Structure formats: structure tokens, C-alpha cells
């Protein structure tokens, strides 16, 4: 018996979406566990590098606020990424007293390689799913994006 959209409760929709997100999150974490070690990265470094690439330049305090972690936790990860040459500390162009973090050319290259590897795993995992279903999934996920003003990190912008 077919179920009409109007007869599906919002709570049922939430349950289905949460289950899907949980599965996707666990799968993504598994892919990261496979991909990151061969590049000398852990998950915290990967997400910090990704955040700086997407939202930088930004200060370490801004990054900590954005990542919902303490400044000392960010500092340790940032130091490792700077030492590896994947991010750089620079003086802010808006306020020369402030130091901001930017992704380096080698960091951009590394991130591109990581996303390609994750993309290959995703292609294998979704190869039996019809393109129409993948497009619908992408549209649904995109519609859940938080608007930029709410998504922006707290504190002063670099």
C-alpha cells in the first residue's frame, strides 16, 4: 500500500533523516580512518585544515569558536599543521596586530587529494544508486545548509 506524503508525520521524517545522517556520518568517519593515516593526518587536523580552507583567513580564537573547541585544543592542531607546511600564520590585513591562519599551497594540494580519495570511495558506494536518486539526495542535503550569517564563526572576523 502506497503512503501519501501528507500522511507521513514530521516526527517520522525526522527519524528517517536522523537515521540517514547517522549512517552517512559513520561511513564518512570510516573513510577518513582509511584515508588520513597515509597522509599523516588525524581527523582533528583534517577538519581544521578544511575549515581554514573554506573560511580562512581566520584567527586561532575564531577557529576555536567555530569548531566549538577550546583555544588550547586548536593551538596544538594548528602547530602541527604549520610544522607540516599545510597552513601558515600571517598578519591580518585588516588588523596588523592579529595573526590569522591561511591554507598553504601544499595544504590545498593535500586537501584536494584527500577529497578525491573520499570521492572515489563515495563513487563506489553509490554506483548502484540511480542518478535521479543521487540528485534528489544532493538537493535535500543542500536545502539543509545553515544560512551564512548563522554559520559564520563567532567573534571578530580576520
C-alpha atoms as a PDB file:
ATOM      1  CA  UNK A   1       0.000   0.000   0.000  1.00  0.00           C
ATOM      2  CA  UNK A   2       1.414   3.374  -1.011  1.00  0.00           C
ATOM      3  CA  UNK A   3       1.758   6.027   1.678  1.00  0.00           C
ATOM      4  CA  UNK A   4       0.911   9.563   0.623  1.00  0.00           C
ATOM      5  CA  UNK A   5       3.278  12.341   1.683  1.00  0.00           C
ATOM      6  CA  UNK A   6       0.512  14.112   3.614  1.00  0.00           C
ATOM      7  CA  UNK A   7       0.035  11.056   5.816  1.00  0.00           C
ATOM      8  CA  UNK A   8       3.691  10.893   6.942  1.00  0.00           C
ATOM      9  CA  UNK A   9       4.191  12.712  10.230  1.00  0.00           C
ATOM     10  CA  UNK A  10       7.028  15.216  10.716  1.00  0.00           C
ATOM     11  CA  UNK A  11       8.368  13.005  13.523  1.00  0.00           C
ATOM     12  CA  UNK A  12       8.621  10.084  11.086  1.00  0.00           C
ATOM     13  CA  UNK A  13      10.504  12.320   8.645  1.00  0.00           C
ATOM     14  CA  UNK A  14      12.921  13.357  11.396  1.00  0.00           C
ATOM     15  CA  UNK A  15      13.511   9.732  12.353  1.00  0.00           C
ATOM     16  CA  UNK A  16      14.270   8.774   8.752  1.00  0.00           C
ATOM     17  CA  UNK A  17      16.599  11.769   8.262  1.00  0.00           C
ATOM     18  CA  UNK A  18      18.444  11.218  11.540  1.00  0.00           C
ATOM     19  CA  UNK A  19      18.971   7.564  10.672  1.00  0.00           C
ATOM     20  CA  UNK A  20      20.301   8.523   7.266  1.00  0.00           C
ATOM     21  CA  UNK A  21      22.639  11.154   8.720  1.00  0.00           C
ATOM     22  CA  UNK A  22      23.906   8.717  11.321  1.00  0.00           C
ATOM     23  CA  UNK A  23      24.701   6.127   8.665  1.00  0.00           C
ATOM     24  CA  UNK A  24      26.352   8.721   6.426  1.00  0.00           C
ATOM     25  CA  UNK A  25      28.398  10.114   9.337  1.00  0.00           C
ATOM     26  CA  UNK A  26      29.633   6.688  10.402  1.00  0.00           C
ATOM     27  CA  UNK A  27      30.526   5.850   6.801  1.00  0.00           C
ATOM     28  CA  UNK A  28      32.375   9.153   6.340  1.00  0.00           C
ATOM     29  CA  UNK A  29      34.334   8.545   9.561  1.00  0.00           C
ATOM     30  CA  UNK A  30      35.273   5.070   8.324  1.00  0.00           C
ATOM     31  CA  UNK A  31      36.520   6.549   5.036  1.00  0.00           C
ATOM     32  CA  UNK A  32      38.576   9.115   6.970  1.00  0.00           C
ATOM     33  CA  UNK A  33      40.128   6.324   9.067  1.00  0.00           C
ATOM     34  CA  UNK A  34      41.176   4.655   5.809  1.00  0.00           C
ATOM     35  CA  UNK A  35      42.443   7.778   4.024  1.00  0.00           C
ATOM     36  CA  UNK A  36      44.006  10.094   6.610  1.00  0.00           C
ATOM     37  CA  UNK A  37      46.804   7.980   8.159  1.00  0.00           C
ATOM     38  CA  UNK A  38      48.619   7.545   4.848  1.00  0.00           C
ATOM     39  CA  UNK A  39      48.811  11.348   4.631  1.00  0.00           C
ATOM     40  CA  UNK A  40      49.974  11.828   8.212  1.00  0.00           C
ATOM     41  CA  UNK A  41      46.712  13.401   9.369  1.00  0.00           C
ATOM     42  CA  UNK A  42      44.182  12.739  12.092  1.00  0.00           C
ATOM     43  CA  UNK A  43      40.516  13.787  11.972  1.00  0.00           C
ATOM     44  CA  UNK A  44      41.077  16.970  14.012  1.00  0.00           C
ATOM     45  CA  UNK A  45      43.810  18.061  11.602  1.00  0.00           C
ATOM     46  CA  UNK A  46      41.656  17.229   8.578  1.00  0.00           C
ATOM     47  CA  UNK A  47      38.667  19.224   9.828  1.00  0.00           C
ATOM     48  CA  UNK A  48      40.865  22.140  10.942  1.00  0.00           C
ATOM     49  CA  UNK A  49      42.569  22.220   7.543  1.00  0.00           C
ATOM     50  CA  UNK A  50      39.165  22.043   5.816  1.00  0.00           C
ATOM     51  CA  UNK A  51      37.724  24.835   7.967  1.00  0.00           C
ATOM     52  CA  UNK A  52      40.683  27.122   7.278  1.00  0.00           C
ATOM     53  CA  UNK A  53      40.473  26.375   3.548  1.00  0.00           C
ATOM     54  CA  UNK A  54      36.743  27.116   3.465  1.00  0.00           C
ATOM     55  CA  UNK A  55      36.522  30.058   5.887  1.00  0.00           C
ATOM     56  CA  UNK A  56      40.040  31.478   6.163  1.00  0.00           C
ATOM     57  CA  UNK A  57      41.900  33.574   6.786  1.00  0.00           C
ATOM     58  CA  UNK A  58      40.838  33.481  10.413  1.00  0.00           C
ATOM     59  CA  UNK A  59      42.405  33.757  13.831  1.00  0.00           C
ATOM     60  CA  UNK A  60      43.022  30.744  16.056  1.00  0.00           C
ATOM     61  CA  UNK A  61      40.446  32.104  18.533  1.00  0.00           C
ATOM     62  CA  UNK A  62      37.897  32.460  15.738  1.00  0.00           C
ATOM     63  CA  UNK A  63      38.682  28.909  14.583  1.00  0.00           C
ATOM     64  CA  UNK A  64      38.270  27.538  18.118  1.00  0.00           C
ATOM     65  CA  UNK A  65      34.896  29.250  18.435  1.00  0.00           C
ATOM     66  CA  UNK A  66      33.812  27.962  15.034  1.00  0.00           C
ATOM     67  CA  UNK A  67      34.932  24.392  15.816  1.00  0.00           C
ATOM     68  CA  UNK A  68      33.366  24.506  19.319  1.00  0.00           C
ATOM     69  CA  UNK A  69      36.658  23.590  20.989  1.00  0.00           C
ATOM     70  CA  UNK A  70      38.989  25.349  23.380  1.00  0.00           C
ATOM     71  CA  UNK A  71      41.767  27.635  22.101  1.00  0.00           C
ATOM     72  CA  UNK A  72      44.462  25.294  23.519  1.00  0.00           C
ATOM     73  CA  UNK A  73      42.967  22.367  21.590  1.00  0.00           C
ATOM     74  CA  UNK A  74      43.102  24.389  18.367  1.00  0.00           C
ATOM     75  CA  UNK A  75      46.620  25.584  19.140  1.00  0.00           C
ATOM     76  CA  UNK A  76      48.027  22.043  19.269  1.00  0.00           C
ATOM     77  CA  UNK A  77      46.433  21.090  15.947  1.00  0.00           C
ATOM     78  CA  UNK A  78      47.424  24.378  14.299  1.00  0.00           C
ATOM     79  CA  UNK A  79      51.044  23.970  15.433  1.00  0.00           C
ATOM     80  CA  UNK A  80      51.154  20.507  13.815  1.00  0.00           C
ATOM     81  CA  UNK A  81      49.671  21.837  10.567  1.00  0.00           C
ATOM     82  CA  UNK A  82      52.080  24.799  10.494  1.00  0.00           C
ATOM     83  CA  UNK A  83      55.055  22.484  11.117  1.00  0.00           C
ATOM     84  CA  UNK A  84      53.913  20.252   8.247  1.00  0.00           C
ATOM     85  CA  UNK A  85      53.652  23.311   5.976  1.00  0.00           C
ATOM     86  CA  UNK A  86      49.918  22.873   5.297  1.00  0.00           C
ATOM     87  CA  UNK A  87      48.826  26.142   6.887  1.00  0.00           C
ATOM     88  CA  UNK A  88      50.584  29.445   7.510  1.00  0.00           C
ATOM     89  CA  UNK A  89      50.344  32.130  10.152  1.00  0.00           C
ATOM     90  CA  UNK A  90      50.184  35.659   8.740  1.00  0.00           C
ATOM     91  CA  UNK A  91      49.404  39.140   9.958  1.00  0.00           C
ATOM     92  CA  UNK A  92      45.827  40.156   9.278  1.00  0.00           C
ATOM     93  CA  UNK A  93      45.440  42.695   6.500  1.00  0.00           C
ATOM     94  CA  UNK A  94      42.621  44.351   8.492  1.00  0.00           C
ATOM     95  CA  UNK A  95      44.435  44.494  11.840  1.00  0.00           C
ATOM     96  CA  UNK A  96      48.223  44.056  11.748  1.00  0.00           C
ATOM     97  CA  UNK A  97      48.204  43.129  15.463  1.00  0.00           C
ATOM     98  CA  UNK A  98      46.191  39.988  14.741  1.00  0.00           C
ATOM     99  CA  UNK A  99      47.677  36.751  13.412  1.00  0.00           C
ATOM    100  CA  UNK A 100      45.454  34.775  11.053  1.00  0.00           C
ATOM    101  CA  UNK A 101      45.642  31.272   9.642  1.00  0.00           C
ATOM    102  CA  UNK A 102      45.606  30.561   5.913  1.00  0.00           C
ATOM    103  CA  UNK A 103      45.962  27.349   3.970  1.00  0.00           C
ATOM    104  CA  UNK A 104      49.231  26.981   2.090  1.00  0.00           C
ATOM    105  CA  UNK A 105      49.599  25.793  -1.483  1.00  0.00           C
ATOM    106  CA  UNK A 106      50.734  22.371  -0.246  1.00  0.00           C
ATOM    107  CA  UNK A 107      47.769  22.287   2.152  1.00  0.00           C
ATOM    108  CA  UNK A 108      45.387  22.993  -0.725  1.00  0.00           C
ATOM    109  CA  UNK A 109      47.002  20.216  -2.745  1.00  0.00           C
ATOM    110  CA  UNK A 110      46.746  17.780   0.166  1.00  0.00           C
ATOM    111  CA  UNK A 111      43.107  18.643   0.806  1.00  0.00           C
ATOM    112  CA  UNK A 112      42.316  18.166  -2.889  1.00  0.00           C
ATOM    113  CA  UNK A 113      43.938  14.729  -2.834  1.00  0.00           C
ATOM    114  CA  UNK A 114      42.033  13.744   0.306  1.00  0.00           C
ATOM    115  CA  UNK A 115      38.670  14.806  -1.140  1.00  0.00           C
ATOM    116  CA  UNK A 116      39.451  12.918  -4.352  1.00  0.00           C
ATOM    117  CA  UNK A 117      40.141   9.750  -2.360  1.00  0.00           C
ATOM    118  CA  UNK A 118      36.935  10.205  -0.366  1.00  0.00           C
ATOM    119  CA  UNK A 119      35.084  10.898  -3.624  1.00  0.00           C
ATOM    120  CA  UNK A 120      36.352   7.618  -5.093  1.00  0.00           C
ATOM    121  CA  UNK A 121      35.008   5.744  -2.083  1.00  0.00           C
ATOM    122  CA  UNK A 122      31.708   7.568  -2.422  1.00  0.00           C
ATOM    123  CA  UNK A 123      31.516   6.687  -6.135  1.00  0.00           C
ATOM    124  CA  UNK A 124      31.972   3.005  -5.329  1.00  0.00           C
ATOM    125  CA  UNK A 125      29.418   3.134  -2.513  1.00  0.00           C
ATOM    126  CA  UNK A 126      26.786   4.838  -4.697  1.00  0.00           C
ATOM    127  CA  UNK A 127      27.397   3.143  -8.050  1.00  0.00           C
ATOM    128  CA  UNK A 128      24.158   1.145  -7.881  1.00  0.00           C
ATOM    129  CA  UNK A 129      22.010   4.166  -6.946  1.00  0.00           C
ATOM    130  CA  UNK A 130      20.161   5.776  -9.873  1.00  0.00           C
ATOM    131  CA  UNK A 131      21.408   9.256 -10.806  1.00  0.00           C
ATOM    132  CA  UNK A 132      17.942  10.720 -10.178  1.00  0.00           C
ATOM    133  CA  UNK A 133      18.067   9.478  -6.565  1.00  0.00           C
ATOM    134  CA  UNK A 134      21.559  10.909  -6.075  1.00  0.00           C
ATOM    135  CA  UNK A 135      20.409  14.284  -7.420  1.00  0.00           C
ATOM    136  CA  UNK A 136      17.415  14.238  -5.072  1.00  0.00           C
ATOM    137  CA  UNK A 137      19.673  13.379  -2.135  1.00  0.00           C
ATOM    138  CA  UNK A 138      22.063  16.197  -3.015  1.00  0.00           C
ATOM    139  CA  UNK A 139      19.146  18.642  -3.307  1.00  0.00           C
ATOM    140  CA  UNK A 140      17.734  17.587   0.078  1.00  0.00           C
ATOM    141  CA  UNK A 141      21.116  17.861   1.792  1.00  0.00           C
ATOM    142  CA  UNK A 142      21.794  21.254   0.199  1.00  0.00           C
ATOM    143  CA  UNK A 143      18.431  22.527   1.427  1.00  0.00           C
ATOM    144  CA  UNK A 144      19.545  21.817   4.997  1.00  0.00           C
ATOM    145  CA  UNK A 145      22.505  24.190   4.787  1.00  0.00           C
ATOM    146  CA  UNK A 146      22.605  26.807   7.525  1.00  0.00           C
ATOM    147  CA  UNK A 147      22.422  30.362   6.132  1.00  0.00           C
ATOM    148  CA  UNK A 148      25.842  32.090   6.106  1.00  0.00           C
ATOM    149  CA  UNK A 149      25.139  34.640   8.891  1.00  0.00           C
ATOM    150  CA  UNK A 150      24.288  31.823  11.312  1.00  0.00           C
ATOM    151  CA  UNK A 151      27.080  29.587  10.083  1.00  0.00           C
ATOM    152  CA  UNK A 152      29.824  32.192  10.451  1.00  0.00           C
ATOM    153  CA  UNK A 153      32.188  31.706  13.389  1.00  0.00           C
ATOM    154  CA  UNK A 154      31.665  33.848  16.477  1.00  0.00           C
ATOM    155  CA  UNK A 155      33.989  36.719  17.300  1.00  0.00           C
ATOM    156  CA  UNK A 156      35.786  39.196  15.098  1.00  0.00           C
ATOM    157  CA  UNK A 157      36.482  38.308  11.513  1.00  0.00           C
ATOM    158  CA  UNK A 158      40.061  38.257  10.333  1.00  0.00           C
END
